Amino acid sequence: MYVGNLNAMRDFTDVRDMVRAYWLAVEKCEVGDVYNIASDKGIKIKDMLDMLLKMSSTEIKVQQDPARMRPSDVEILLGDSTKFRKVTGWKLEIPFEKTMRDLLDYWRE
């Protein structure tokens, strides 16, 4: 498997949690106001890849490919959903590990 920047950190949120958040936004947020919906946690792409590789039943060789490196790549992209959480009471219900397991199982099927 050829990869790009594994040191980048991103904020991942399960789509099922996001759907609940959108529903709460419709019910409780002020129209026209701005809210961030995020996990508020950064996960390195390398850590996500390692998690998936541990769940795999196949030996996968990982190799960094210079062609996949983006010169303008943002190292850390992390959301702050404090305002949204205060207004709606929303919180994550699905752990990141479950998201990754469910995603892998989906593609296995």
PDB file of N, CA and C in Angstrom:
ATOM      1  N   MET A   1       0.843  -1.150   0.000  1.00  0.00           N
ATOM      2  CA  MET A   1       0.000   0.000   0.000  1.00  0.00           C
ATOM      3  C   MET A   1       0.903   1.233   0.000  1.00  0.00           C
ATOM      4  N   TYR A   2       0.658   2.108  -0.928  1.00  0.00           N
ATOM      5  CA  TYR A   2       1.429   3.343  -1.015  1.00  0.00           C
ATOM      6  C   TYR A   2       0.664   4.457  -0.312  1.00  0.00           C
ATOM      7  N   VAL A   3       1.361   5.205   0.513  1.00  0.00           N
ATOM      8  CA  VAL A   3       0.720   6.241   1.319  1.00  0.00           C
ATOM      9  C   VAL A   3       1.450   7.565   1.176  1.00  0.00           C
ATOM     10  N   GLY A   4       0.764   8.615   1.609  1.00  0.00           N
ATOM     11  CA  GLY A   4       1.356   9.956   1.646  1.00  0.00           C
ATOM     12  C   GLY A   4       1.785  10.280   3.069  1.00  0.00           C
ATOM     13  N   ASN A   5       1.434  11.453   3.531  1.00  0.00           N
ATOM     14  CA  ASN A   5       1.839  11.955   4.845  1.00  0.00           C
ATOM     15  C   ASN A   5       1.087  11.236   5.963  1.00  0.00           C
ATOM     16  N   LEU A   6       1.777  10.405   6.707  1.00  0.00           N
ATOM     17  CA  LEU A   6       1.150   9.691   7.811  1.00  0.00           C
ATOM     18  C   LEU A   6       1.187  10.484   9.111  1.00  0.00           C
ATOM     19  N   ASN A   7       1.904  11.587   9.133  1.00  0.00           N
ATOM     20  CA  ASN A   7       2.011  12.385  10.352  1.00  0.00           C
ATOM     21  C   ASN A   7       0.898  13.418  10.492  1.00  0.00           C
ATOM     22  N   ALA A   8       0.122  13.618   9.450  1.00  0.00           N
ATOM     23  CA  ALA A   8      -0.979  14.580   9.518  1.00  0.00           C
ATOM     24  C   ALA A   8      -1.981  14.127  10.576  1.00  0.00           C
ATOM     25  N   MET A   9      -2.551  15.084  11.271  1.00  0.00           N
ATOM     26  CA  MET A   9      -3.544  14.794  12.299  1.00  0.00           C
ATOM     27  C   MET A   9      -4.883  15.363  11.844  1.00  0.00           C
ATOM     28  N   ARG A  10      -5.918  14.533  11.950  1.00  0.00           N
ATOM     29  CA  ARG A  10      -7.249  14.932  11.515  1.00  0.00           C
ATOM     30  C   ARG A  10      -8.275  14.643  12.607  1.00  0.00           C
ATOM     31  N   ASP A  11      -9.407  15.308  12.493  1.00  0.00           N
ATOM     32  CA  ASP A  11     -10.524  15.164  13.417  1.00  0.00           C
ATOM     33  C   ASP A  11     -11.584  14.323  12.703  1.00  0.00           C
ATOM     34  N   PHE A  12     -11.802  13.107  13.176  1.00  0.00           N
ATOM     35  CA  PHE A  12     -12.771  12.201  12.545  1.00  0.00           C
ATOM     36  C   PHE A  12     -14.001  12.055  13.427  1.00  0.00           C
ATOM     37  N   THR A  13     -15.166  12.030  12.796  1.00  0.00           N
ATOM     38  CA  THR A  13     -16.421  11.819  13.500  1.00  0.00           C
ATOM     39  C   THR A  13     -17.242  10.812  12.710  1.00  0.00           C
ATOM     40  N   ASP A  14     -17.774   9.822  13.392  1.00  0.00           N
ATOM     41  CA  ASP A  14     -18.602   8.803  12.749  1.00  0.00           C
ATOM     42  C   ASP A  14     -19.828   9.460  12.113  1.00  0.00           C
ATOM     43  N   VAL A  15     -20.185   9.024  10.934  1.00  0.00           N
ATOM     44  CA  VAL A  15     -21.319   9.609  10.213  1.00  0.00           C
ATOM     45  C   VAL A  15     -22.611   9.451  11.014  1.00  0.00           C
ATOM     46  N   ARG A  16     -22.736   8.393  11.804  1.00  0.00           N
ATOM     47  CA  ARG A  16     -23.949   8.209  12.600  1.00  0.00           C
ATOM     48  C   ARG A  16     -24.049   9.276  13.693  1.00  0.00           C
ATOM     49  N   ASP A  17     -22.913   9.649  14.269  1.00  0.00           N
ATOM     50  CA  ASP A  17     -22.899  10.752  15.229  1.00  0.00           C
ATOM     51  C   ASP A  17     -23.191  12.078  14.531  1.00  0.00           C
ATOM     52  N   MET A  18     -22.688  12.230  13.320  1.00  0.00           N
ATOM     53  CA  MET A  18     -22.919  13.475  12.568  1.00  0.00           C
ATOM     54  C   MET A  18     -24.397  13.645  12.217  1.00  0.00           C
ATOM     55  N   VAL A  19     -25.049  12.572  11.846  1.00  0.00           N
ATOM     56  CA  VAL A  19     -26.479  12.661  11.511  1.00  0.00           C
ATOM     57  C   VAL A  19     -27.272  13.118  12.731  1.00  0.00           C
ATOM     58  N   ARG A  20     -26.949  12.574  13.899  1.00  0.00           N
ATOM     59  CA  ARG A  20     -27.605  13.029  15.123  1.00  0.00           C
ATOM     60  C   ARG A  20     -27.327  14.512  15.372  1.00  0.00           C
ATOM     61  N   ALA A  21     -26.078  14.916  15.122  1.00  0.00           N
ATOM     62  CA  ALA A  21     -25.702  16.317  15.317  1.00  0.00           C
ATOM     63  C   ALA A  21     -26.484  17.227  14.372  1.00  0.00           C
ATOM     64  N   TYR A  22     -26.617  16.845  13.130  1.00  0.00           N
ATOM     65  CA  TYR A  22     -27.371  17.658  12.174  1.00  0.00           C
ATOM     66  C   TYR A  22     -28.829  17.788  12.603  1.00  0.00           C
ATOM     67  N   TRP A  23     -29.389  16.698  13.104  1.00  0.00           N
ATOM     68  CA  TRP A  23     -30.777  16.730  13.567  1.00  0.00           C
ATOM     69  C   TRP A  23     -30.920  17.703  14.737  1.00  0.00           C
ATOM     70  N   LEU A  24     -29.984  17.638  15.680  1.00  0.00           N
ATOM     71  CA  LEU A  24     -30.002  18.564  16.812  1.00  0.00           C
ATOM     72  C   LEU A  24     -29.809  20.008  16.351  1.00  0.00           C
ATOM     73  N   ALA A  25     -28.983  20.198  15.334  1.00  0.00           N
ATOM     74  CA  ALA A  25     -28.764  21.540  14.795  1.00  0.00           C
ATOM     75  C   ALA A  25     -30.076  22.119  14.268  1.00  0.00           C
ATOM     76  N   VAL A  26     -30.831  21.310  13.567  1.00  0.00           N
ATOM     77  CA  VAL A  26     -32.123  21.758  13.036  1.00  0.00           C
ATOM     78  C   VAL A  26     -33.079  22.103  14.175  1.00  0.00           C
ATOM     79  N   GLU A  27     -33.062  21.302  15.231  1.00  0.00           N
ATOM     80  CA  GLU A  27     -33.991  21.501  16.342  1.00  0.00           C
ATOM     81  C   GLU A  27     -33.593  22.630  17.289  1.00  0.00           C
ATOM     82  N   LYS A  28     -32.276  22.809  17.546  1.00  0.00           N
ATOM     83  CA  LYS A  28     -31.866  23.672  18.653  1.00  0.00           C
ATOM     84  C   LYS A  28     -30.987  24.872  18.303  1.00  0.00           C
ATOM     85  N   CYS A  29     -30.409  24.903  17.134  1.00  0.00           N
ATOM     86  CA  CYS A  29     -29.468  25.982  16.805  1.00  0.00           C
ATOM     87  C   CYS A  29     -30.189  27.180  16.193  1.00  0.00           C
ATOM     88  N   GLU A  30     -29.565  28.350  16.355  1.00  0.00           N
ATOM     89  CA  GLU A  30     -30.103  29.575  15.782  1.00  0.00           C
ATOM     90  C   GLU A  30     -29.838  29.601  14.274  1.00  0.00           C
ATOM     91  N   VAL A  31     -30.865  29.865  13.507  1.00  0.00           N
ATOM     92  CA  VAL A  31     -30.724  29.954  12.054  1.00  0.00           C
ATOM     93  C   VAL A  31     -29.750  31.082  11.724  1.00  0.00           C
ATOM     94  N   GLY A  32     -28.797  30.794  10.859  1.00  0.00           N
ATOM     95  CA  GLY A  32     -27.820  31.781  10.423  1.00  0.00           C
ATOM     96  C   GLY A  32     -26.579  31.864  11.288  1.00  0.00           C
ATOM     97  N   ASP A  33     -26.607  31.246  12.471  1.00  0.00           N
ATOM     98  CA  ASP A  33     -25.427  31.246  13.331  1.00  0.00           C
ATOM     99  C   ASP A  33     -24.465  30.145  12.858  1.00  0.00           C
ATOM    100  N   VAL A  34     -23.206  30.245  13.240  1.00  0.00           N
ATOM    101  CA  VAL A  34     -22.187  29.297  12.794  1.00  0.00           C
ATOM    102  C   VAL A  34     -21.817  28.360  13.934  1.00  0.00           C
ATOM    103  N   TYR A  35     -21.787  27.064  13.637  1.00  0.00           N
ATOM    104  CA  TYR A  35     -21.440  26.050  14.623  1.00  0.00           C
ATOM    105  C   TYR A  35     -20.459  25.066  13.991  1.00  0.00           C
ATOM    106  N   ASN A  36     -19.516  24.591  14.768  1.00  0.00           N
ATOM    107  CA  ASN A  36     -18.626  23.513  14.332  1.00  0.00           C
ATOM    108  C   ASN A  36     -19.111  22.221  14.968  1.00  0.00           C
ATOM    109  N   ILE A  37     -19.149  21.184  14.173  1.00  0.00           N
ATOM    110  CA  ILE A  37     -19.455  19.850  14.686  1.00  0.00           C
ATOM    111  C   ILE A  37     -18.198  19.021  14.461  1.00  0.00           C
ATOM    112  N   ALA A  38     -17.627  18.526  15.547  1.00  0.00           N
ATOM    113  CA  ALA A  38     -16.353  17.817  15.456  1.00  0.00           C
ATOM    114  C   ALA A  38     -16.178  16.921  16.673  1.00  0.00           C
ATOM    115  N   SER A  39     -15.208  16.035  16.604  1.00  0.00           N
ATOM    116  CA  SER A  39     -14.907  15.173  17.747  1.00  0.00           C
ATOM    117  C   SER A  39     -14.047  15.893  18.776  1.00  0.00           C
ATOM    118  N   ASP A  40     -13.396  16.970  18.356  1.00  0.00           N
ATOM    119  CA  ASP A  40     -12.469  17.738  19.199  1.00  0.00           C
ATOM    120  C   ASP A  40     -11.214  16.945  19.548  1.00  0.00           C
ATOM    121  N   LYS A  41     -10.966  15.852  18.822  1.00  0.00           N
ATOM    122  CA  LYS A  41      -9.785  15.016  19.075  1.00  0.00           C
ATOM    123  C   LYS A  41      -9.036  14.806  17.766  1.00  0.00           C
ATOM    124  N   GLY A  42      -7.738  14.935  17.826  1.00  0.00           N
ATOM    125  CA  GLY A  42      -6.926  14.686  16.644  1.00  0.00           C
ATOM    126  C   GLY A  42      -6.410  13.254  16.642  1.00  0.00           C
ATOM    127  N   ILE A  43      -6.442  12.640  15.479  1.00  0.00           N
ATOM    128  CA  ILE A  43      -5.913  11.288  15.302  1.00  0.00           C
ATOM    129  C   ILE A  43      -4.932  11.326  14.147  1.00  0.00           C
ATOM    130  N   LYS A  44      -3.709  10.874  14.396  1.00  0.00           N
ATOM    131  CA  LYS A  44      -2.721  10.818  13.316  1.00  0.00           C
ATOM    132  C   LYS A  44      -3.145   9.762  12.297  1.00  0.00           C
ATOM    133  N   ILE A  45      -2.935  10.081  11.050  1.00  0.00           N
ATOM    134  CA  ILE A  45      -3.256   9.136   9.983  1.00  0.00           C
ATOM    135  C   ILE A  45      -2.496   7.824  10.200  1.00  0.00           C
ATOM    136  N   LYS A  46      -1.269   7.899  10.671  1.00  0.00           N
ATOM    137  CA  LYS A  46      -0.489   6.694  10.957  1.00  0.00           C
ATOM    138  C   LYS A  46      -1.171   5.832  12.004  1.00  0.00           C
ATOM    139  N   ASP A  47      -1.715   6.448  13.049  1.00  0.00           N
ATOM    140  CA  ASP A  47      -2.405   5.687  14.094  1.00  0.00           C
ATOM    141  C   ASP A  47      -3.665   5.029  13.554  1.00  0.00           C
ATOM    142  N   MET A  48      -4.382   5.738  12.680  1.00  0.00           N
ATOM    143  CA  MET A  48      -5.568   5.160  12.058  1.00  0.00           C
ATOM    144  C   MET A  48      -5.179   3.974  11.178  1.00  0.00           C
ATOM    145  N   LEU A  49      -4.125   4.141  10.386  1.00  0.00           N
ATOM    146  CA  LEU A  49      -3.655   3.057   9.531  1.00  0.00           C
ATOM    147  C   LEU A  49      -3.210   1.862  10.365  1.00  0.00           C
ATOM    148  N   ASP A  50      -2.460   2.108  11.437  1.00  0.00           N
ATOM    149  CA  ASP A  50      -2.008   1.012  12.312  1.00  0.00           C
ATOM    150  C   ASP A  50      -3.194   0.252  12.901  1.00  0.00           C
ATOM    151  N   MET A  51      -4.225   0.986  13.280  1.00  0.00           N
ATOM    152  CA  MET A  51      -5.426   0.350  13.834  1.00  0.00           C
ATOM    153  C   MET A  51      -6.067  -0.575  12.802  1.00  0.00           C
ATOM    154  N   LEU A  52      -6.194  -0.088  11.571  1.00  0.00           N
ATOM    155  CA  LEU A  52      -6.789  -0.903  10.517  1.00  0.00           C
ATOM    156  C   LEU A  52      -5.909  -2.103  10.165  1.00  0.00           C
ATOM    157  N   LEU A  53      -4.598  -1.904  10.159  1.00  0.00           N
ATOM    158  CA  LEU A  53      -3.694  -3.018   9.861  1.00  0.00           C
ATOM    159  C   LEU A  53      -3.788  -4.105  10.926  1.00  0.00           C
ATOM    160  N   LYS A  54      -3.960  -3.720  12.179  1.00  0.00           N
ATOM    161  CA  LYS A  54      -4.115  -4.711  13.259  1.00  0.00           C
ATOM    162  C   LYS A  54      -5.413  -5.491  13.111  1.00  0.00           C
ATOM    163  N   MET A  55      -6.437  -4.869  12.551  1.00  0.00           N
ATOM    164  CA  MET A  55      -7.725  -5.527  12.344  1.00  0.00           C
ATOM    165  C   MET A  55      -7.711  -6.423  11.109  1.00  0.00           C
ATOM    166  N   SER A  56      -6.704  -6.239  10.275  1.00  0.00           N
ATOM    167  CA  SER A  56      -6.631  -6.971   9.012  1.00  0.00           C
ATOM    168  C   SER A  56      -6.136  -8.391   9.227  1.00  0.00           C
ATOM    169  N   SER A  57      -6.617  -9.299   8.423  1.00  0.00           N
ATOM    170  CA  SER A  57      -6.157 -10.684   8.471  1.00  0.00           C
ATOM    171  C   SER A  57      -5.100 -10.941   7.398  1.00  0.00           C
ATOM    172  N   THR A  58      -4.741  -9.897   6.674  1.00  0.00           N
ATOM    173  CA  THR A  58      -3.769 -10.000   5.586  1.00  0.00           C
ATOM    174  C   THR A  58      -2.536  -9.166   5.920  1.00  0.00           C
ATOM    175  N   GLU A  59      -1.378  -9.677   5.563  1.00  0.00           N
ATOM    176  CA  GLU A  59      -0.130  -8.923   5.736  1.00  0.00           C
ATOM    177  C   GLU A  59      -0.077  -7.845   4.662  1.00  0.00           C
ATOM    178  N   ILE A  60       0.042  -6.596   5.081  1.00  0.00           N
ATOM    179  CA  ILE A  60       0.058  -5.485   4.143  1.00  0.00           C
ATOM    180  C   ILE A  60       1.334  -4.688   4.353  1.00  0.00           C
ATOM    181  N   LYS A  61       2.075  -4.508   3.281  1.00  0.00           N
ATOM    182  CA  LYS A  61       3.305  -3.715   3.337  1.00  0.00           C
ATOM    183  C   LYS A  61       2.941  -2.264   3.023  1.00  0.00           C
ATOM    184  N   VAL A  62       3.397  -1.361   3.874  1.00  0.00           N
ATOM    185  CA  VAL A  62       3.104   0.062   3.709  1.00  0.00           C
ATOM    186  C   VAL A  62       4.385   0.775   3.288  1.00  0.00           C
ATOM    187  N   GLN A  63       4.266   1.571   2.233  1.00  0.00           N
ATOM    188  CA  GLN A  63       5.425   2.294   1.727  1.00  0.00           C
ATOM    189  C   GLN A  63       5.019   3.730   1.411  1.00  0.00           C
ATOM    190  N   GLN A  64       5.795   4.674   1.930  1.00  0.00           N
ATOM    191  CA  GLN A  64       5.512   6.075   1.638  1.00  0.00           C
ATOM    192  C   GLN A  64       5.903   6.379   0.196  1.00  0.00           C
ATOM    193  N   ASP A  65       5.003   7.072  -0.497  1.00  0.00           N
ATOM    194  CA  ASP A  65       5.200   7.414  -1.895  1.00  0.00           C
ATOM    195  C   ASP A  65       5.330   8.934  -2.007  1.00  0.00           C
ATOM    196  N   PRO A  66       6.498   9.433  -2.402  1.00  0.00           N
ATOM    197  CA  PRO A  66       6.691  10.883  -2.520  1.00  0.00           C
ATOM    198  C   PRO A  66       5.644  11.557  -3.411  1.00  0.00           C
ATOM    199  N   ALA A  67       5.132  10.848  -4.398  1.00  0.00           N
ATOM    200  CA  ALA A  67       4.122  11.414  -5.293  1.00  0.00           C
ATOM    201  C   ALA A  67       2.798  11.665  -4.567  1.00  0.00           C
ATOM    202  N   ARG A  68       2.615  11.025  -3.430  1.00  0.00           N
ATOM    203  CA  ARG A  68       1.373  11.194  -2.669  1.00  0.00           C
ATOM    204  C   ARG A  68       1.494  12.258  -1.576  1.00  0.00           C
ATOM    205  N   MET A  69       2.653  12.857  -1.469  1.00  0.00           N
ATOM    206  CA  MET A  69       2.859  13.927  -0.496  1.00  0.00           C
ATOM    207  C   MET A  69       2.340  15.232  -1.097  1.00  0.00           C
ATOM    208  N   ARG A  70       1.597  15.980  -0.315  1.00  0.00           N
ATOM    209  CA  ARG A  70       1.045  17.259  -0.784  1.00  0.00           C
ATOM    210  C   ARG A  70       1.819  18.394  -0.123  1.00  0.00           C
ATOM    211  N   PRO A  71       2.447  19.233  -0.903  1.00  0.00           N
ATOM    212  CA  PRO A  71       3.231  20.332  -0.330  1.00  0.00           C
ATOM    213  C   PRO A  71       2.396  21.291   0.518  1.00  0.00           C
ATOM    214  N   SER A  72       1.121  21.403   0.213  1.00  0.00           N
ATOM    215  CA  SER A  72       0.267  22.326   0.960  1.00  0.00           C
ATOM    216  C   SER A  72      -0.529  21.635   2.069  1.00  0.00           C
ATOM    217  N   ASP A  73      -0.161  20.393   2.390  1.00  0.00           N
ATOM    218  CA  ASP A  73      -0.881  19.614   3.397  1.00  0.00           C
ATOM    219  C   ASP A  73      -0.837  20.310   4.763  1.00  0.00           C
ATOM    220  N   VAL A  74      -1.980  20.432   5.394  1.00  0.00           N
ATOM    221  CA  VAL A  74      -2.077  21.000   6.733  1.00  0.00           C
ATOM    222  C   VAL A  74      -1.743  19.886   7.725  1.00  0.00           C
ATOM    223  N   GLU A  75      -0.797  20.139   8.611  1.00  0.00           N
ATOM    224  CA  GLU A  75      -0.372  19.097   9.563  1.00  0.00           C
ATOM    225  C   GLU A  75      -1.461  18.725  10.558  1.00  0.00           C
ATOM    226  N   ILE A  76      -2.135  19.737  11.102  1.00  0.00           N
ATOM    227  CA  ILE A  76      -3.171  19.468  12.106  1.00  0.00           C
ATOM    228  C   ILE A  76      -4.455  20.163  11.677  1.00  0.00           C
ATOM    229  N   LEU A  77      -5.519  19.380  11.562  1.00  0.00           N
ATOM    230  CA  LEU A  77      -6.826  19.908  11.225  1.00  0.00           C
ATOM    231  C   LEU A  77      -7.790  19.376  12.287  1.00  0.00           C
ATOM    232  N   LEU A  78      -8.124  20.244  13.231  1.00  0.00           N
ATOM    233  CA  LEU A  78      -8.867  19.834  14.415  1.00  0.00           C
ATOM    234  C   LEU A  78     -10.011  20.805  14.657  1.00  0.00           C
ATOM    235  N   GLY A  79     -11.201  20.279  14.892  1.00  0.00           N
ATOM    236  CA  GLY A  79     -12.358  21.117  15.131  1.00  0.00           C
ATOM    237  C   GLY A  79     -12.557  21.422  16.610  1.00  0.00           C
ATOM    238  N   ASP A  80     -13.366  22.453  16.877  1.00  0.00           N
ATOM    239  CA  ASP A  80     -13.750  22.812  18.237  1.00  0.00           C
ATOM    240  C   ASP A  80     -15.268  22.975  18.256  1.00  0.00           C
ATOM    241  N   SER A  81     -15.944  22.001  18.822  1.00  0.00           N
ATOM    242  CA  SER A  81     -17.410  22.009  18.814  1.00  0.00           C
ATOM    243  C   SER A  81     -18.005  22.475  20.145  1.00  0.00           C
ATOM    244  N   THR A  82     -17.243  23.200  20.934  1.00  0.00           N
ATOM    245  CA  THR A  82     -17.692  23.654  22.252  1.00  0.00           C
ATOM    246  C   THR A  82     -19.046  24.368  22.173  1.00  0.00           C
ATOM    247  N   LYS A  83     -19.149  25.321  21.270  1.00  0.00           N
ATOM    248  CA  LYS A  83     -20.385  26.099  21.137  1.00  0.00           C
ATOM    249  C   LYS A  83     -21.566  25.180  20.795  1.00  0.00           C
ATOM    250  N   PHE A  84     -21.365  24.292  19.835  1.00  0.00           N
ATOM    251  CA  PHE A  84     -22.434  23.382  19.417  1.00  0.00           C
ATOM    252  C   PHE A  84     -22.855  22.474  20.564  1.00  0.00           C
ATOM    253  N   ARG A  85     -21.893  21.952  21.299  1.00  0.00           N
ATOM    254  CA  ARG A  85     -22.201  21.058  22.416  1.00  0.00           C
ATOM    255  C   ARG A  85     -22.993  21.778  23.511  1.00  0.00           C
ATOM    256  N   LYS A  86     -22.637  23.016  23.782  1.00  0.00           N
ATOM    257  CA  LYS A  86     -23.349  23.791  24.808  1.00  0.00           C
ATOM    258  C   LYS A  86     -24.805  24.023  24.416  1.00  0.00           C
ATOM    259  N   VAL A  87     -25.024  24.321  23.153  1.00  0.00           N
ATOM    260  CA  VAL A  87     -26.378  24.628  22.687  1.00  0.00           C
ATOM    261  C   VAL A  87     -27.237  23.372  22.591  1.00  0.00           C
ATOM    262  N   THR A  88     -26.643  22.248  22.168  1.00  0.00           N
ATOM    263  CA  THR A  88     -27.442  21.051  21.866  1.00  0.00           C
ATOM    264  C   THR A  88     -27.307  19.910  22.872  1.00  0.00           C
ATOM    265  N   GLY A  89     -26.224  19.886  23.639  1.00  0.00           N
ATOM    266  CA  GLY A  89     -25.977  18.746  24.527  1.00  0.00           C
ATOM    267  C   GLY A  89     -25.404  17.540  23.805  1.00  0.00           C
ATOM    268  N   TRP A  90     -25.062  17.720  22.543  1.00  0.00           N
ATOM    269  CA  TRP A  90     -24.540  16.619  21.717  1.00  0.00           C
ATOM    270  C   TRP A  90     -23.193  16.140  22.229  1.00  0.00           C
ATOM    271  N   LYS A  91     -22.967  14.838  22.092  1.00  0.00           N
ATOM    272  CA  LYS A  91     -21.651  14.251  22.368  1.00  0.00           C
ATOM    273  C   LYS A  91     -21.488  13.023  21.489  1.00  0.00           C
ATOM    274  N   LEU A  92     -20.242  12.641  21.300  1.00  0.00           N
ATOM    275  CA  LEU A  92     -19.970  11.439  20.526  1.00  0.00           C
ATOM    276  C   LEU A  92     -20.493  10.221  21.263  1.00  0.00           C
ATOM    277  N   GLU A  93     -21.074   9.292  20.530  1.00  0.00           N
ATOM    278  CA  GLU A  93     -21.532   8.036  21.115  1.00  0.00           C
ATOM    279  C   GLU A  93     -20.765   6.847  20.550  1.00  0.00           C
ATOM    280  N   ILE A  94     -20.190   7.022  19.378  1.00  0.00           N
ATOM    281  CA  ILE A  94     -19.542   5.896  18.707  1.00  0.00           C
ATOM    282  C   ILE A  94     -18.026   6.078  18.770  1.00  0.00           C
ATOM    283  N   PRO A  95     -17.335   5.169  19.461  1.00  0.00           N
ATOM    284  CA  PRO A  95     -15.869   5.274  19.557  1.00  0.00           C
ATOM    285  C   PRO A  95     -15.207   5.123  18.181  1.00  0.00           C
ATOM    286  N   PHE A  96     -14.081   5.789  18.016  1.00  0.00           N
ATOM    287  CA  PHE A  96     -13.361   5.761  16.745  1.00  0.00           C
ATOM    288  C   PHE A  96     -13.018   4.330  16.326  1.00  0.00           C
ATOM    289  N   GLU A  97     -12.640   3.492  17.273  1.00  0.00           N
ATOM    290  CA  GLU A  97     -12.291   2.103  16.961  1.00  0.00           C
ATOM    291  C   GLU A  97     -13.478   1.362  16.342  1.00  0.00           C
ATOM    292  N   LYS A  98     -14.692   1.633  16.847  1.00  0.00           N
ATOM    293  CA  LYS A  98     -15.883   0.995  16.281  1.00  0.00           C
ATOM    294  C   LYS A  98     -16.133   1.499  14.865  1.00  0.00           C
ATOM    295  N   THR A  99     -15.929   2.781  14.655  1.00  0.00           N
ATOM    296  CA  THR A  99     -16.079   3.344  13.313  1.00  0.00           C
ATOM    297  C   THR A  99     -15.158   2.625  12.335  1.00  0.00           C
ATOM    298  N   MET A 100     -13.897   2.452  12.731  1.00  0.00           N
ATOM    299  CA  MET A 100     -12.928   1.792  11.853  1.00  0.00           C
ATOM    300  C   MET A 100     -13.279   0.324  11.632  1.00  0.00           C
ATOM    301  N   ARG A 101     -13.715  -0.365  12.687  1.00  0.00           N
ATOM    302  CA  ARG A 101     -14.115  -1.775  12.564  1.00  0.00           C
ATOM    303  C   ARG A 101     -15.320  -1.900  11.628  1.00  0.00           C
ATOM    304  N   ASP A 102     -16.316  -1.056  11.815  1.00  0.00           N
ATOM    305  CA  ASP A 102     -17.514  -1.106  10.969  1.00  0.00           C
ATOM    306  C   ASP A 102     -17.176  -0.790   9.516  1.00  0.00           C
ATOM    307  N   LEU A 103     -16.297   0.178   9.295  1.00  0.00           N
ATOM    308  CA  LEU A 103     -15.877   0.540   7.945  1.00  0.00           C
ATOM    309  C   LEU A 103     -15.159  -0.631   7.266  1.00  0.00           C
ATOM    310  N   LEU A 104     -14.248  -1.252   7.992  1.00  0.00           N
ATOM    311  CA  LEU A 104     -13.521  -2.396   7.441  1.00  0.00           C
ATOM    312  C   LEU A 104     -14.478  -3.555   7.140  1.00  0.00           C
ATOM    313  N   ASP A 105     -15.378  -3.821   8.058  1.00  0.00           N
ATOM    314  CA  ASP A 105     -16.359  -4.909   7.845  1.00  0.00           C
ATOM    315  C   ASP A 105     -17.244  -4.622   6.648  1.00  0.00           C
ATOM    316  N   TYR A 106     -17.622  -3.364   6.448  1.00  0.00           N
ATOM    317  CA  TYR A 106     -18.438  -2.989   5.295  1.00  0.00           C
ATOM    318  C   TYR A 106     -17.706  -3.359   3.999  1.00  0.00           C
ATOM    319  N   TRP A 107     -16.423  -2.971   3.906  1.00  0.00           N
ATOM    320  CA  TRP A 107     -15.668  -3.230   2.674  1.00  0.00           C
ATOM    321  C   TRP A 107     -15.349  -4.705   2.512  1.00  0.00           C
ATOM    322  N   ARG A 108     -15.301  -5.451   3.597  1.00  0.00           N
ATOM    323  CA  ARG A 108     -15.088  -6.900   3.498  1.00  0.00           C
ATOM    324  C   ARG A 108     -16.285  -7.598   2.871  1.00  0.00           C
ATOM    325  N   GLU A 109     -17.462  -7.079   3.161  1.00  0.00           N
ATOM    326  CA  GLU A 109     -18.676  -7.672   2.604  1.00  0.00           C
ATOM    327  C   GLU A 109     -18.778  -7.423   1.119  1.00  0.00           C
TER     328      GLU A 109
END
